[in-house]
Structures are given as C-alpha cells and as structure tokens.
C-alpha cells in the first residue's frame, strides 16, 4: 500500500475569506501541505468571471466578439 507523503491543492477553495480557507485546509490536511492557497476570496470567488475586468484594463488587449 502506498504511503501518503503530501498533498498539492490546485484551484479554488470556496470559503468567504483567506482565514477560513487556510483553517479548513490545515484542519483536513495537517502535516501534508507545504503551501496553502488563499481561497480566492471576494471578487475572485468565481475566478473565470473575475478575469474580463482585469483583462479590460490591460494595455494591448482588446475584446473581440
């Protein structure tokens, strides 16, 4: 049987703020994590929906269609 040596979190943790995201990650995966994402709180909750506003402000990028 394989031994679990660590965990790698990818993507969002859907908690309302960074403190709750980190508390939940630590509670479930204590000792297995080296890094914890901030949970993408606030406006970043739905990451892909957050991007159009960010890109609209970037020089040299134009929305087409």
N, C-alpha and C. Protein backbone atom coordinates (compact mmCIF):
# COMPACT_ATOMS: atom_id res chain seq x y z
N UNK A 1 0.85 -1.19 0.00
CA UNK A 1 0.00 0.00 0.00
C UNK A 1 0.89 1.24 0.00
N UNK A 2 0.50 2.25 -0.77
CA UNK A 2 1.26 3.50 -0.87
C UNK A 2 1.14 4.32 0.40
N UNK A 3 2.18 5.04 0.72
CA UNK A 3 2.18 5.94 1.86
C UNK A 3 1.96 7.36 1.35
N UNK A 4 1.01 8.08 1.93
CA UNK A 4 0.76 9.46 1.54
C UNK A 4 1.88 10.32 2.09
N UNK A 5 2.54 11.05 1.18
CA UNK A 5 3.67 11.88 1.59
C UNK A 5 3.36 13.37 1.56
N UNK A 6 2.28 13.73 0.93
CA UNK A 6 1.94 15.15 0.84
C UNK A 6 0.69 15.36 0.04
N UNK A 7 0.26 16.60 -0.01
CA UNK A 7 -0.92 16.98 -0.78
C UNK A 7 -0.59 18.25 -1.55
N UNK A 8 -1.19 18.39 -2.71
CA UNK A 8 -0.99 19.56 -3.55
C UNK A 8 -2.37 20.08 -3.94
N UNK A 9 -2.72 21.27 -3.49
CA UNK A 9 -4.02 21.84 -3.80
C UNK A 9 -3.93 22.68 -5.07
N UNK A 10 -4.88 22.47 -5.97
CA UNK A 10 -4.93 23.20 -7.22
C UNK A 10 -6.33 23.79 -7.37
N UNK A 11 -6.39 25.06 -7.72
CA UNK A 11 -7.69 25.68 -7.93
C UNK A 11 -8.16 26.46 -6.73
N UNK A 12 -9.45 26.64 -6.62
CA UNK A 12 -10.04 27.49 -5.59
C UNK A 12 -10.50 26.68 -4.39
N UNK A 13 -10.49 27.34 -3.25
CA UNK A 13 -11.15 26.84 -2.05
C UNK A 13 -12.31 27.79 -1.84
N UNK A 14 -13.51 27.28 -1.87
CA UNK A 14 -14.68 28.16 -1.84
C UNK A 14 -15.11 28.54 -0.43
N UNK A 15 -14.28 29.33 0.21
CA UNK A 15 -14.59 29.88 1.53
C UNK A 15 -14.67 31.39 1.39
N UNK A 16 -15.40 32.06 2.29
CA UNK A 16 -15.60 33.51 2.13
C UNK A 16 -14.34 34.36 2.33
N UNK A 17 -13.34 33.84 3.02
CA UNK A 17 -12.13 34.63 3.20
C UNK A 17 -10.91 33.72 3.38
N UNK A 18 -9.74 34.33 3.31
CA UNK A 18 -8.49 33.57 3.36
C UNK A 18 -8.34 32.82 4.69
N UNK A 19 -8.75 33.43 5.79
CA UNK A 19 -8.61 32.77 7.09
C UNK A 19 -9.39 31.45 7.14
N UNK A 20 -10.62 31.45 6.65
CA UNK A 20 -11.41 30.21 6.66
C UNK A 20 -10.82 29.17 5.71
N UNK A 21 -10.32 29.62 4.56
CA UNK A 21 -9.70 28.69 3.61
C UNK A 21 -8.49 28.00 4.24
N UNK A 22 -7.64 28.77 4.89
CA UNK A 22 -6.43 28.19 5.49
C UNK A 22 -6.76 27.32 6.69
N UNK A 23 -7.73 27.72 7.47
CA UNK A 23 -8.14 26.92 8.62
C UNK A 23 -8.70 25.58 8.17
N UNK A 24 -9.53 25.58 7.13
CA UNK A 24 -10.10 24.33 6.62
C UNK A 24 -9.01 23.44 6.04
N UNK A 25 -8.12 24.00 5.25
CA UNK A 25 -7.04 23.21 4.65
C UNK A 25 -6.16 22.60 5.73
N UNK A 26 -5.81 23.38 6.72
CA UNK A 26 -4.97 22.87 7.81
C UNK A 26 -5.70 21.81 8.62
N UNK A 27 -7.00 22.00 8.81
CA UNK A 27 -7.78 21.03 9.58
C UNK A 27 -7.90 19.68 8.88
N UNK A 28 -8.03 19.70 7.57
CA UNK A 28 -8.22 18.46 6.82
C UNK A 28 -6.91 17.81 6.38
N UNK A 29 -5.89 18.63 6.17
CA UNK A 29 -4.65 18.12 5.58
C UNK A 29 -3.41 18.46 6.40
N UNK A 30 -3.60 18.59 7.69
CA UNK A 30 -2.48 18.95 8.57
C UNK A 30 -1.28 18.03 8.35
N UNK A 31 -0.11 18.62 8.21
CA UNK A 31 1.10 17.84 8.05
C UNK A 31 1.39 17.39 6.62
N UNK A 32 0.43 17.59 5.71
CA UNK A 32 0.61 17.14 4.34
C UNK A 32 0.86 18.30 3.37
N UNK A 33 0.64 19.53 3.83
CA UNK A 33 0.76 20.69 2.95
C UNK A 33 2.00 21.51 3.26
N UNK A 34 2.66 21.98 2.21
CA UNK A 34 3.75 22.94 2.37
C UNK A 34 3.26 24.35 2.08
N UNK A 35 2.25 24.46 1.21
CA UNK A 35 1.69 25.75 0.83
C UNK A 35 0.17 25.62 0.79
N UNK A 36 -0.51 26.75 1.07
CA UNK A 36 -1.96 26.76 1.04
C UNK A 36 -2.41 27.98 0.24
N UNK A 37 -3.29 27.81 -0.76
CA UNK A 37 -3.81 28.96 -1.49
C UNK A 37 -4.71 29.79 -0.58
N UNK A 38 -4.88 31.05 -0.93
CA UNK A 38 -5.68 31.93 -0.06
C UNK A 38 -7.18 31.72 -0.20
N UNK A 39 -7.61 30.85 -1.10
CA UNK A 39 -9.03 30.57 -1.25
C UNK A 39 -9.71 31.41 -2.29
N UNK A 40 -9.01 32.37 -2.90
CA UNK A 40 -9.59 33.28 -3.88
C UNK A 40 -10.86 33.92 -3.35
N UNK A 41 -10.76 34.64 -2.23
CA UNK A 41 -11.95 35.25 -1.64
C UNK A 41 -12.41 36.50 -2.39
N UNK A 42 -13.56 36.99 -2.01
CA UNK A 42 -14.08 38.24 -2.55
C UNK A 42 -14.39 38.16 -4.03
N UNK A 43 -13.94 39.18 -4.79
CA UNK A 43 -14.23 39.25 -6.22
C UNK A 43 -13.67 38.06 -6.98
N UNK A 44 -12.64 37.40 -6.45
CA UNK A 44 -12.02 36.29 -7.15
C UNK A 44 -12.72 34.96 -6.93
N UNK A 45 -13.85 34.95 -6.21
CA UNK A 45 -14.55 33.71 -5.88
C UNK A 45 -14.85 32.88 -7.12
N UNK A 46 -15.40 33.52 -8.14
CA UNK A 46 -15.63 32.85 -9.43
C UNK A 46 -14.54 33.34 -10.37
N UNK A 47 -13.37 32.72 -10.28
CA UNK A 47 -12.16 33.20 -10.91
C UNK A 47 -12.34 33.58 -12.37
N UNK A 48 -12.95 32.73 -13.17
CA UNK A 48 -13.06 33.00 -14.60
C UNK A 48 -13.95 34.21 -14.86
N UNK A 49 -14.92 34.46 -14.00
CA UNK A 49 -15.79 35.62 -14.18
C UNK A 49 -15.08 36.90 -13.73
N UNK A 50 -14.03 36.78 -12.98
CA UNK A 50 -13.25 37.91 -12.50
C UNK A 50 -12.31 38.43 -13.58
N UNK A 51 -11.91 37.57 -14.49
CA UNK A 51 -10.88 37.89 -15.48
C UNK A 51 -11.25 38.97 -16.50
N UNK A 52 -12.47 39.03 -17.06
CA UNK A 52 -12.75 40.05 -18.07
C UNK A 52 -12.45 41.48 -17.61
N UNK A 53 -12.77 41.80 -16.38
CA UNK A 53 -12.49 43.13 -15.86
C UNK A 53 -11.00 43.41 -15.74
N UNK A 54 -10.25 42.39 -15.35
CA UNK A 54 -8.80 42.53 -15.24
C UNK A 54 -8.19 42.72 -16.62
N UNK A 55 -8.59 41.90 -17.57
CA UNK A 55 -8.05 41.99 -18.92
C UNK A 55 -8.46 43.27 -19.62
N UNK A 56 -9.64 43.80 -19.33
CA UNK A 56 -10.11 45.03 -19.96
C UNK A 56 -9.20 46.22 -19.63
N UNK A 57 -8.54 46.15 -18.48
CA UNK A 57 -7.66 47.23 -18.06
C UNK A 57 -6.23 47.07 -18.54
N UNK A 58 -5.92 45.95 -19.18
CA UNK A 58 -4.56 45.68 -19.64
C UNK A 58 -4.31 46.36 -20.99
N UNK A 59 -3.19 47.07 -21.08
CA UNK A 59 -2.81 47.71 -22.35
C UNK A 59 -2.53 46.63 -23.41
N UNK A 60 -3.02 46.89 -24.62
CA UNK A 60 -2.73 46.00 -25.73
C UNK A 60 -3.66 44.82 -25.88
N UNK A 61 -4.66 44.70 -25.00
CA UNK A 61 -5.63 43.62 -25.12
C UNK A 61 -6.97 44.22 -25.46
N UNK A 62 -7.59 43.71 -26.51
CA UNK A 62 -8.88 44.20 -26.96
C UNK A 62 -9.87 43.06 -27.03
N UNK A 63 -11.06 43.28 -26.52
CA UNK A 63 -12.10 42.25 -26.56
C UNK A 63 -12.76 42.26 -27.93
N UNK A 64 -12.84 41.10 -28.54
CA UNK A 64 -13.46 40.96 -29.86
C UNK A 64 -14.53 39.87 -29.77
N UNK A 65 -15.74 40.22 -30.17
CA UNK A 65 -16.81 39.23 -30.19
C UNK A 65 -17.39 38.93 -28.84
